PDB file of N, CA and C in Angstrom:
ATOM      1  N   UNK A   1      56.116  -2.823   5.442  1.00  0.00           N
ATOM      2  CA  UNK A   1      55.561  -3.167   6.490  1.00  0.00           C
ATOM      3  C   UNK A   1      57.103  -3.186   6.817  1.00  0.00           C
ATOM      4  N   UNK A   2      56.904  -3.421   8.403  1.00  0.00           N
ATOM      5  CA  UNK A   2      57.759  -3.593   9.658  1.00  0.00           C
ATOM      6  C   UNK A   2      58.239  -4.468  10.166  1.00  0.00           C
ATOM      7  N   UNK A   3      58.877  -4.952  10.340  1.00  0.00           N
ATOM      8  CA  UNK A   3      59.736  -6.177  11.358  1.00  0.00           C
ATOM      9  C   UNK A   3      58.248  -7.607  11.442  1.00  0.00           C
ATOM     10  N   UNK A   4      57.654  -6.625  12.447  1.00  0.00           N
ATOM     11  CA  UNK A   4      56.656  -7.203  13.302  1.00  0.00           C
ATOM     12  C   UNK A   4      55.794  -8.026  12.608  1.00  0.00           C
ATOM     13  N   UNK A   5      55.364  -6.836  11.587  1.00  0.00           N
ATOM     14  CA  UNK A   5      54.158  -7.563  10.880  1.00  0.00           C
ATOM     15  C   UNK A   5      54.705  -8.244   9.698  1.00  0.00           C
ATOM     16  N   UNK A   6      55.672  -8.240   9.126  1.00  0.00           N
ATOM     17  CA  UNK A   6      56.523  -9.483   8.698  1.00  0.00           C
ATOM     18  C   UNK A   6      56.125 -10.499   9.690  1.00  0.00           C
ATOM     19  N   UNK A   7      56.817 -10.483  10.645  1.00  0.00           N
ATOM     20  CA  UNK A   7      57.080 -12.054  11.454  1.00  0.00           C
ATOM     21  C   UNK A   7      55.592 -12.708  11.559  1.00  0.00           C
ATOM     22  N   UNK A   8      54.659 -11.848  12.165  1.00  0.00           N
ATOM     23  CA  UNK A   8      53.229 -12.079  12.281  1.00  0.00           C
ATOM     24  C   UNK A   8      52.828 -13.122  10.887  1.00  0.00           C
ATOM     25  N   UNK A   9      52.884 -12.350   9.997  1.00  0.00           N
ATOM     26  CA  UNK A   9      52.352 -12.630   8.498  1.00  0.00           C
ATOM     27  C   UNK A   9      53.279 -14.243   7.547  1.00  0.00           C
ATOM     28  N   UNK A  10      54.541 -13.951   8.200  1.00  0.00           N
ATOM     29  CA  UNK A  10      55.251 -14.963   7.805  1.00  0.00           C
ATOM     30  C   UNK A  10      55.095 -16.277   8.587  1.00  0.00           C
ATOM     31  N   UNK A  11      55.451 -15.889   9.942  1.00  0.00           N
ATOM     32  CA  UNK A  11      54.810 -17.462  10.938  1.00  0.00           C
ATOM     33  C   UNK A  11      53.125 -18.037  10.666  1.00  0.00           C
ATOM     34  N   UNK A  12      52.495 -16.804  10.630  1.00  0.00           N
ATOM     35  CA  UNK A  12      51.150 -17.287  10.130  1.00  0.00           C
ATOM     36  C   UNK A  12      51.231 -18.235   8.955  1.00  0.00           C
ATOM     37  N   UNK A  13      51.803 -17.699   7.973  1.00  0.00           N
ATOM     38  CA  UNK A  13      52.379 -18.742   6.551  1.00  0.00           C
ATOM     39  C   UNK A  13      52.744 -20.025   6.848  1.00  0.00           C
ATOM     40  N   UNK A  14      53.712 -19.907   7.435  1.00  0.00           N
ATOM     41  CA  UNK A  14      54.267 -21.253   7.458  1.00  0.00           C
ATOM     42  C   UNK A  14      53.677 -22.333   8.395  1.00  0.00           C
ATOM     43  N   UNK A  15      52.414 -21.617   9.652  1.00  0.00           N
ATOM     44  CA  UNK A  15      51.688 -23.273  10.487  1.00  0.00           C
ATOM     45  C   UNK A  15      50.977 -23.257   9.701  1.00  0.00           C
ATOM     46  N   UNK A  16      50.357 -22.464   8.770  1.00  0.00           N
ATOM     47  CA  UNK A  16      49.023 -22.945   7.724  1.00  0.00           C
ATOM     48  C   UNK A  16      49.711 -24.158   6.520  1.00  0.00           C
ATOM     49  N   UNK A  17      50.771 -24.048   6.256  1.00  0.00           N
ATOM     50  CA  UNK A  17      51.906 -24.650   5.272  1.00  0.00           C
ATOM     51  C   UNK A  17      51.409 -25.872   5.965  1.00  0.00           C
ATOM     52  N   UNK A  18      52.398 -25.905   7.291  1.00  0.00           N
ATOM     53  CA  UNK A  18      52.881 -27.093   7.912  1.00  0.00           C
ATOM     54  C   UNK A  18      51.620 -27.853   8.223  1.00  0.00           C
ATOM     55  N   UNK A  19      50.587 -27.554   8.364  1.00  0.00           N
ATOM     56  CA  UNK A  19      49.295 -27.886   8.914  1.00  0.00           C
ATOM     57  C   UNK A  19      48.426 -28.768   7.515  1.00  0.00           C
ATOM     58  N   UNK A  20      48.600 -28.099   6.379  1.00  0.00           N
ATOM     59  CA  UNK A  20      47.814 -28.577   5.419  1.00  0.00           C
ATOM     60  C   UNK A  20      48.805 -29.058   4.728  1.00  0.00           C
ATOM     61  N   UNK A  21      50.076 -29.021   4.222  1.00  0.00           N
ATOM     62  CA  UNK A  21      50.638 -30.190   3.543  1.00  0.00           C
ATOM     63  C   UNK A  21      50.938 -31.560   4.736  1.00  0.00           C
ATOM     64  N   UNK A  22      51.310 -31.420   5.951  1.00  0.00           N
ATOM     65  CA  UNK A  22      51.110 -32.197   6.651  1.00  0.00           C
ATOM     66  C   UNK A  22      50.517 -33.257   6.500  1.00  0.00           C
ATOM     67  N   UNK A  23      49.100 -33.111   5.968  1.00  0.00           N
ATOM     68  CA  UNK A  23      48.296 -33.686   6.203  1.00  0.00           C
ATOM     69  C   UNK A  23      48.544 -35.263   5.141  1.00  0.00           C
ATOM     70  N   UNK A  24      48.912 -34.756   4.300  1.00  0.00           N
ATOM     71  CA  UNK A  24      49.248 -34.990   3.203  1.00  0.00           C
ATOM     72  C   UNK A  24      50.882 -35.675   2.764  1.00  0.00           C
ATOM     73  N   UNK A  25      52.011 -35.208   3.431  1.00  0.00           N
ATOM     74  CA  UNK A  25      53.171 -35.286   3.228  1.00  0.00           C
ATOM     75  C   UNK A  25      54.337 -35.282   4.336  1.00  0.00           C
ATOM     76  N   UNK A  26      55.007 -35.484   4.847  1.00  0.00           N
ATOM     77  CA  UNK A  26      56.234 -35.386   5.726  1.00  0.00           C
ATOM     78  C   UNK A  26      56.626 -33.752   5.484  1.00  0.00           C
ATOM     79  N   UNK A  27      55.888 -32.769   6.463  1.00  0.00           N
ATOM     80  CA  UNK A  27      56.260 -31.450   6.251  1.00  0.00           C
ATOM     81  C   UNK A  27      56.758 -31.666   8.455  1.00  0.00           C
ATOM     82  N   UNK A  28      57.290 -30.629   8.566  1.00  0.00           N
ATOM     83  CA  UNK A  28      58.438 -30.352   9.695  1.00  0.00           C
ATOM     84  C   UNK A  28      58.671 -29.032   9.727  1.00  0.00           C
ATOM     85  N   UNK A  29      58.103 -28.084  10.891  1.00  0.00           N
ATOM     86  CA  UNK A  29      58.960 -26.701  10.935  1.00  0.00           C
ATOM     87  C   UNK A  29      59.680 -26.880  12.823  1.00  0.00           C
ATOM     88  N   UNK A  30      60.772 -25.868  11.721  1.00  0.00           N
ATOM     89  CA  UNK A  30      62.030 -25.577  12.997  1.00  0.00           C
ATOM     90  C   UNK A  30      61.873 -24.134  12.906  1.00  0.00           C
ATOM     91  N   UNK A  31      61.634 -23.547  13.534  1.00  0.00           N
ATOM     92  CA  UNK A  31      62.134 -22.596  13.800  1.00  0.00           C
ATOM     93  C   UNK A  31      61.356 -21.518  12.758  1.00  0.00           C
ATOM     94  N   UNK A  32      62.257 -20.642  11.717  1.00  0.00           N
ATOM     95  CA  UNK A  32      61.802 -20.364  10.256  1.00  0.00           C
ATOM     96  C   UNK A  32      61.572 -20.968   9.057  1.00  0.00           C
ATOM     97  N   UNK A  33      61.791 -22.209   9.396  1.00  0.00           N
ATOM     98  CA  UNK A  33      62.075 -23.231   8.061  1.00  0.00           C
ATOM     99  C   UNK A  33      61.032 -24.388   8.349  1.00  0.00           C
ATOM    100  N   UNK A  34      60.508 -24.556   7.514  1.00  0.00           N
ATOM    101  CA  UNK A  34      59.274 -25.481   6.726  1.00  0.00           C
ATOM    102  C   UNK A  34      60.321 -26.512   5.594  1.00  0.00           C
ATOM    103  N   UNK A  35      60.374 -27.759   5.766  1.00  0.00           N
ATOM    104  CA  UNK A  35      61.114 -28.885   5.205  1.00  0.00           C
ATOM    105  C   UNK A  35      59.560 -30.028   4.733  1.00  0.00           C
ATOM    106  N   UNK A  36      59.394 -29.788   3.399  1.00  0.00           N
ATOM    107  CA  UNK A  36      58.730 -31.120   3.318  1.00  0.00           C
ATOM    108  C   UNK A  36      59.428 -32.108   2.336  1.00  0.00           C
ATOM    109  N   UNK A  37      59.236 -32.899   2.745  1.00  0.00           N
ATOM    110  CA  UNK A  37      59.670 -34.472   1.778  1.00  0.00           C
ATOM    111  C   UNK A  37      58.676 -35.057   0.687  1.00  0.00           C
ATOM    112  N   UNK A  38      58.707 -35.213  -0.306  1.00  0.00           N
ATOM    113  CA  UNK A  38      57.834 -36.094  -1.068  1.00  0.00           C
ATOM    114  C   UNK A  38      58.757 -36.585  -1.926  1.00  0.00           C
ATOM    115  N   UNK A  39      57.653 -37.135  -3.054  1.00  0.00           N
ATOM    116  CA  UNK A  39      58.374 -38.082  -4.235  1.00  0.00           C
ATOM    117  C   UNK A  39      59.429 -37.444  -4.935  1.00  0.00           C
ATOM    118  N   UNK A  40      59.050 -36.052  -5.168  1.00  0.00           N
ATOM    119  CA  UNK A  40      60.042 -35.830  -6.075  1.00  0.00           C
ATOM    120  C   UNK A  40      61.901 -35.181  -5.248  1.00  0.00           C
ATOM    121  N   UNK A  41      61.413 -35.043  -4.242  1.00  0.00           N
ATOM    122  CA  UNK A  41      62.494 -34.335  -3.199  1.00  0.00           C
ATOM    123  C   UNK A  41      62.138 -33.674  -2.051  1.00  0.00           C
ATOM    124  N   UNK A  42      63.048 -32.816  -1.773  1.00  0.00           N
ATOM    125  CA  UNK A  42      62.816 -31.989  -0.713  1.00  0.00           C
ATOM    126  C   UNK A  42      62.534 -30.530  -0.869  1.00  0.00           C
ATOM    127  N   UNK A  43      61.598 -29.929  -0.629  1.00  0.00           N
ATOM    128  CA  UNK A  43      61.314 -28.377  -0.637  1.00  0.00           C
ATOM    129  C   UNK A  43      61.578 -27.811   0.875  1.00  0.00           C
ATOM    130  N   UNK A  44      62.226 -26.381   0.703  1.00  0.00           N
ATOM    131  CA  UNK A  44      62.410 -25.980   1.648  1.00  0.00           C
ATOM    132  C   UNK A  44      61.159 -24.454   1.800  1.00  0.00           C
ATOM    133  N   UNK A  45      60.902 -24.072   2.511  1.00  0.00           N
ATOM    134  CA  UNK A  45      60.255 -22.705   2.635  1.00  0.00           C
ATOM    135  C   UNK A  45      60.889 -21.690   3.482  1.00  0.00           C
ATOM    136  N   UNK A  46      61.144 -21.119   4.001  1.00  0.00           N
ATOM    137  CA  UNK A  46      61.725 -20.332   4.976  1.00  0.00           C
ATOM    138  C   UNK A  46      61.954 -18.982   4.575  1.00  0.00           C
ATOM    139  N   UNK A  47      61.670 -18.121   6.029  1.00  0.00           N
ATOM    140  CA  UNK A  47      61.302 -16.578   5.716  1.00  0.00           C
ATOM    141  C   UNK A  47      62.672 -16.011   6.483  1.00  0.00           C
ATOM    142  N   UNK A  48      63.093 -14.873   5.096  1.00  0.00           N
ATOM    143  CA  UNK A  48      64.308 -14.628   5.402  1.00  0.00           C
ATOM    144  C   UNK A  48      63.835 -12.872   5.722  1.00  0.00           C
ATOM    145  N   UNK A  49      64.144 -12.982   7.155  1.00  0.00           N
ATOM    146  CA  UNK A  49      63.832 -11.519   7.763  1.00  0.00           C
ATOM    147  C   UNK A  49      64.701 -10.179   7.550  1.00  0.00           C
ATOM    148  N   UNK A  50      65.695 -10.362   6.865  1.00  0.00           N
ATOM    149  CA  UNK A  50      66.386  -8.866   6.273  1.00  0.00           C
ATOM    150  C   UNK A  50      65.875  -8.691   5.113  1.00  0.00           C
ATOM    151  N   UNK A  51      65.084  -9.318   4.646  1.00  0.00           N
ATOM    152  CA  UNK A  51      64.575  -9.028   3.102  1.00  0.00           C
ATOM    153  C   UNK A  51      63.108  -8.727   3.427  1.00  0.00           C
ATOM    154  N   UNK A  52      62.656  -9.489   4.059  1.00  0.00           N
ATOM    155  CA  UNK A  52      60.953  -9.525   4.444  1.00  0.00           C
ATOM    156  C   UNK A  52      60.517 -10.043   3.672  1.00  0.00           C
ATOM    157  N   UNK A  53      61.214 -11.611   2.995  1.00  0.00           N
ATOM    158  CA  UNK A  53      60.644 -12.308   1.632  1.00  0.00           C
ATOM    159  C   UNK A  53      60.349 -13.823   2.534  1.00  0.00           C
ATOM    160  N   UNK A  54      59.678 -14.400   1.767  1.00  0.00           N
ATOM    161  CA  UNK A  54      59.763 -16.071   1.983  1.00  0.00           C
ATOM    162  C   UNK A  54      60.525 -16.257   1.334  1.00  0.00           C
ATOM    163  N   UNK A  55      61.348 -17.573   1.121  1.00  0.00           N
ATOM    164  CA  UNK A  55      62.473 -18.320   0.332  1.00  0.00           C
ATOM    165  C   UNK A  55      62.022 -19.501  -0.048  1.00  0.00           C
ATOM    166  N   UNK A  56      61.880 -19.783  -1.125  1.00  0.00           N
ATOM    167  CA  UNK A  56      61.522 -21.570  -1.512  1.00  0.00           C
ATOM    168  C   UNK A  56      62.891 -21.897  -2.263  1.00  0.00           C
ATOM    169  N   UNK A  57      63.331 -23.098  -1.864  1.00  0.00           N
ATOM    170  CA  UNK A  57      64.236 -24.110  -2.601  1.00  0.00           C
ATOM    171  C   UNK A  57      62.911 -25.449  -3.175  1.00  0.00           C
ATOM    172  N   UNK A  58      63.311 -25.944  -3.970  1.00  0.00           N
ATOM    173  CA  UNK A  58      62.055 -26.816  -4.907  1.00  0.00           C
ATOM    174  C   UNK A  58      63.056 -27.640  -5.858  1.00  0.00           C
ATOM    175  N   UNK A  59      62.778 -29.170  -5.677  1.00  0.00           N
ATOM    176  CA  UNK A  59      63.508 -29.558  -6.824  1.00  0.00           C
ATOM    177  C   UNK A  59      62.921 -29.540  -7.946  1.00  0.00           C
ATOM    178  N   UNK A  60      61.500 -28.701  -7.905  1.00  0.00           N
ATOM    179  CA  UNK A  60      60.910 -28.811  -9.214  1.00  0.00           C
ATOM    180  C   UNK A  60      61.064 -27.560  -9.825  1.00  0.00           C
ATOM    181  N   UNK A  61      61.196 -26.235  -8.944  1.00  0.00           N
ATOM    182  CA  UNK A  61      61.332 -25.009 -10.025  1.00  0.00           C
ATOM    183  C   UNK A  61      62.273 -24.389  -9.435  1.00  0.00           C
ATOM    184  N   UNK A  62      63.160 -25.032  -8.603  1.00  0.00           N
ATOM    185  CA  UNK A  62      64.426 -24.657  -8.163  1.00  0.00           C
ATOM    186  C   UNK A  62      64.262 -22.866  -6.573  1.00  0.00           C
ATOM    187  N   UNK A  63      64.979 -22.175  -6.753  1.00  0.00           N
ATOM    188  CA  UNK A  63      65.015 -21.294  -5.455  1.00  0.00           C
ATOM    189  C   UNK A  63      64.157 -19.859  -6.294  1.00  0.00           C
ATOM    190  N   UNK A  64      63.301 -19.293  -5.522  1.00  0.00           N
ATOM    191  CA  UNK A  64      62.683 -18.324  -5.596  1.00  0.00           C
ATOM    192  C   UNK A  64      62.293 -17.492  -4.386  1.00  0.00           C
ATOM    193  N   UNK A  65      62.059 -15.940  -4.522  1.00  0.00           N
ATOM    194  CA  UNK A  65      61.812 -15.169  -3.792  1.00  0.00           C
ATOM    195  C   UNK A  65      60.420 -14.901  -3.630  1.00  0.00           C
ATOM    196  N   UNK A  66      60.316 -14.425  -2.228  1.00  0.00           N
ATOM    197  CA  UNK A  66      58.527 -13.895  -2.462  1.00  0.00           C
ATOM    198  C   UNK A  66      58.397 -12.844  -1.757  1.00  0.00           C
ATOM    199  N   UNK A  67      57.673 -12.112  -2.208  1.00  0.00           N
ATOM    200  CA  UNK A  67      57.315 -10.705  -0.764  1.00  0.00           C
ATOM    201  C   UNK A  67      55.869 -10.254  -1.200  1.00  0.00           C
ATOM    202  N   UNK A  68      55.687 -10.029   0.236  1.00  0.00           N
ATOM    203  CA  UNK A  68      53.683 -10.349   0.735  1.00  0.00           C
ATOM    204  C   UNK A  68      53.445  -9.157  -0.437  1.00  0.00           C
ATOM    205  N   UNK A  69      52.585  -9.075  -0.988  1.00  0.00           N
ATOM    206  CA  UNK A  69      51.824  -8.036  -1.577  1.00  0.00           C
ATOM    207  C   UNK A  69      50.275  -7.477  -0.963  1.00  0.00           C
ATOM    208  N   UNK A  70      50.275  -6.505  -0.369  1.00  0.00           N
ATOM    209  CA  UNK A  70      49.057  -6.365   0.663  1.00  0.00           C
ATOM    210  C   UNK A  70      47.731  -6.298  -0.623  1.00  0.00           C
ATOM    211  N   UNK A  71      47.756  -5.544  -1.473  1.00  0.00           N
ATOM    212  CA  UNK A  71      46.766  -5.339  -2.281  1.00  0.00           C
ATOM    213  C   UNK A  71      45.920  -6.836  -2.521  1.00  0.00           C
ATOM    214  N   UNK A  72      46.925  -7.769  -3.011  1.00  0.00           N
ATOM    215  CA  UNK A  72      46.285  -9.129  -3.485  1.00  0.00           C
ATOM    216  C   UNK A  72      46.156 -10.055  -2.372  1.00  0.00           C
ATOM    217  N   UNK A  73      46.411  -9.821  -0.734  1.00  0.00           N
ATOM    218  CA  UNK A  73      46.615 -10.910  -0.009  1.00  0.00           C
ATOM    219  C   UNK A  73      48.226 -12.051  -0.273  1.00  0.00           C
ATOM    220  N   UNK A  74      48.405 -12.121  -1.617  1.00  0.00           N
ATOM    221  CA  UNK A  74      49.589 -12.978  -1.696  1.00  0.00           C
ATOM    222  C   UNK A  74      50.968 -12.214  -1.464  1.00  0.00           C
ATOM    223  N   UNK A  75      51.699 -13.812  -1.309  1.00  0.00           N
ATOM    224  CA  UNK A  75      53.274 -13.873  -1.202  1.00  0.00           C
ATOM    225  C   UNK A  75      53.279 -13.735  -2.951  1.00  0.00           C
ATOM    226  N   UNK A  76      54.016 -12.524  -3.667  1.00  0.00           N
ATOM    227  CA  UNK A  76      54.108 -12.839  -5.155  1.00  0.00           C
ATOM    228  C   UNK A  76      55.939 -13.402  -5.530  1.00  0.00           C
ATOM    229  N   UNK A  77      55.928 -13.862  -6.497  1.00  0.00           N
ATOM    230  CA  UNK A  77      57.333 -14.048  -6.792  1.00  0.00           C
ATOM    231  C   UNK A  77      58.111 -13.120  -7.328  1.00  0.00           C
ATOM    232  N   UNK A  78      58.947 -12.729  -6.622  1.00  0.00           N
ATOM    233  CA  UNK A  78      59.703 -11.053  -6.933  1.00  0.00           C
ATOM    234  C   UNK A  78      60.437 -11.018  -8.416  1.00  0.00           C
ATOM    235  N   UNK A  79      60.313 -12.342  -9.128  1.00  0.00           N
ATOM    236  CA  UNK A  79      60.775 -12.054 -10.864  1.00  0.00           C
ATOM    237  C   UNK A  79      59.312 -12.049 -11.432  1.00  0.00           C
ATOM    238  N   UNK A  80      58.060 -11.921 -11.378  1.00  0.00           N
ATOM    239  CA  UNK A  80      56.998 -12.225 -11.551  1.00  0.00           C
ATOM    240  C   UNK A  80      56.315 -13.589 -11.688  1.00  0.00           C
ATOM    241  N   UNK A  81      56.809 -14.684 -11.491  1.00  0.00           N
ATOM    242  CA  UNK A  81      56.309 -16.205 -11.446  1.00  0.00           C
ATOM    243  C   UNK A  81      54.743 -16.002 -11.051  1.00  0.00           C
ATOM    244  N   UNK A  82      54.237 -17.350 -10.956  1.00  0.00           N
ATOM    245  CA  UNK A  82      53.090 -17.321  -9.896  1.00  0.00           C
ATOM    246  C   UNK A  82      53.406 -17.334  -8.642  1.00  0.00           C
ATOM    247  N   UNK A  83      52.363 -16.710  -7.769  1.00  0.00           N
ATOM    248  CA  UNK A  83      52.668 -16.303  -6.520  1.00  0.00           C
ATOM    249  C   UNK A  83      52.761 -17.925  -5.432  1.00  0.00           C
ATOM    250  N   UNK A  84      52.881 -18.056  -4.636  1.00  0.00           N
ATOM    251  CA  UNK A  84      53.701 -19.270  -3.428  1.00  0.00           C
ATOM    252  C   UNK A  84      52.872 -20.172  -3.193  1.00  0.00           C
ATOM    253  N   UNK A  85      52.058 -20.053  -3.118  1.00  0.00           N
ATOM    254  CA  UNK A  85      50.968 -21.239  -2.437  1.00  0.00           C
ATOM    255  C   UNK A  85      50.269 -21.464  -4.080  1.00  0.00           C
ATOM    256  N   UNK A  86      50.080 -20.960  -5.418  1.00  0.00           N
ATOM    257  CA  UNK A  86      49.688 -21.525  -6.364  1.00  0.00           C
ATOM    258  C   UNK A  86      51.254 -22.202  -6.859  1.00  0.00           C
ATOM    259  N   UNK A  87      52.278 -22.048  -6.513  1.00  0.00           N
ATOM    260  CA  UNK A  87      53.016 -22.899  -7.431  1.00  0.00           C
ATOM    261  C   UNK A  87      53.686 -23.872  -6.293  1.00  0.00           C
ATOM    262  N   UNK A  88      53.344 -23.870  -5.140  1.00  0.00           N
ATOM    263  CA  UNK A  88      53.350 -24.939  -4.077  1.00  0.00           C
ATOM    264  C   UNK A  88      52.121 -25.902  -4.503  1.00  0.00           C
ATOM    265  N   UNK A  89      51.193 -25.172  -4.649  1.00  0.00           N
ATOM    266  CA  UNK A  89      49.991 -26.352  -5.242  1.00  0.00           C
ATOM    267  C   UNK A  89      49.940 -26.936  -6.164  1.00  0.00           C
ATOM    268  N   UNK A  90      50.379 -26.471  -6.950  1.00  0.00           N
ATOM    269  CA  UNK A  90      51.021 -27.476  -7.839  1.00  0.00           C
ATOM    270  C   UNK A  90      51.818 -28.180  -7.932  1.00  0.00           C
ATOM    271  N   UNK A  91      52.908 -28.052  -7.570  1.00  0.00           N
ATOM    272  CA  UNK A  91      54.016 -28.931  -7.289  1.00  0.00           C
ATOM    273  C   UNK A  91      53.710 -29.755  -6.693  1.00  0.00           C
ATOM    274  N   UNK A  92      52.927 -29.658  -5.215  1.00  0.00           N
ATOM    275  CA  UNK A  92      52.848 -30.873  -4.552  1.00  0.00           C
ATOM    276  C   UNK A  92      51.305 -31.473  -4.723  1.00  0.00           C
ATOM    277  N   UNK A  93      50.735 -31.410  -5.434  1.00  0.00           N
ATOM    278  CA  UNK A  93      49.500 -31.667  -6.030  1.00  0.00           C
ATOM    279  C   UNK A  93      48.340 -31.684  -4.899  1.00  0.00           C
ATOM    280  N   UNK A  94      48.210 -30.445  -4.375  1.00  0.00           N
ATOM    281  CA  UNK A  94      47.575 -30.153  -3.281  1.00  0.00           C
ATOM    282  C   UNK A  94      47.008 -28.748  -3.786  1.00  0.00           C
ATOM    283  N   UNK A  95      45.824 -28.643  -3.111  1.00  0.00           N
ATOM    284  CA  UNK A  95      44.926 -27.338  -3.326  1.00  0.00           C
ATOM    285  C   UNK A  95      45.062 -26.645  -1.618  1.00  0.00           C
ATOM    286  N   UNK A  96      45.977 -25.605  -1.541  1.00  0.00           N
ATOM    287  CA  UNK A  96      46.781 -24.757  -0.391  1.00  0.00           C
ATOM    288  C   UNK A  96      46.181 -23.312  -0.325  1.00  0.00           C
ATOM    289  N   UNK A  97      45.330 -22.801   0.486  1.00  0.00           N
ATOM    290  CA  UNK A  97      44.871 -21.497   0.995  1.00  0.00           C
ATOM    291  C   UNK A  97      45.527 -21.332   1.835  1.00  0.00           C
ATOM    292  N   UNK A  98      45.416 -19.587   2.133  1.00  0.00           N
ATOM    293  CA  UNK A  98      46.080 -18.878   3.212  1.00  0.00           C
ATOM    294  C   UNK A  98      45.797 -17.514   3.052  1.00  0.00           C
ATOM    295  N   UNK A  99      44.934 -17.090   3.960  1.00  0.00           N
ATOM    296  CA  UNK A  99      44.197 -15.627   4.448  1.00  0.00           C
ATOM    297  C   UNK A  99      45.487 -14.897   5.349  1.00  0.00           C
ATOM    298  N   UNK A 100      45.787 -13.626   5.011  1.00  0.00           N
ATOM    299  CA  UNK A 100      46.715 -12.683   5.997  1.00  0.00           C
ATOM    300  C   UNK A 100      45.769 -12.432   6.872  1.00  0.00           C
ATOM    301  N   UNK A 101      46.671 -12.598   8.313  1.00  0.00           N
ATOM    302  CA  UNK A 101      45.071 -12.591   9.923  1.00  0.00           C
ATOM    303  C   UNK A 101      46.101 -11.260  10.058  1.00  0.00           C
TER     304      UNK A 101
END
């Protein structure tokens, strides 16, 4: 994936998350960083262009890195854990969905 494709996918993901989470919790995006304030603390979701990854900092699961898997259309944990939306849905108690554009 080239830089342009990564930026499009990452921005689409962050926009979708801000809108979906913002209906239930305090979610604010500034540039490439989405901050979510919840009952358990603060989640940070940001795009990391040099590695073409989405990085998550969670008060529940700690720090994780996600790379886009074109075959599944998901942001997969680089260490083999749940994909990003599955993990965030579980931790935030929401049903989150996103499709690559």
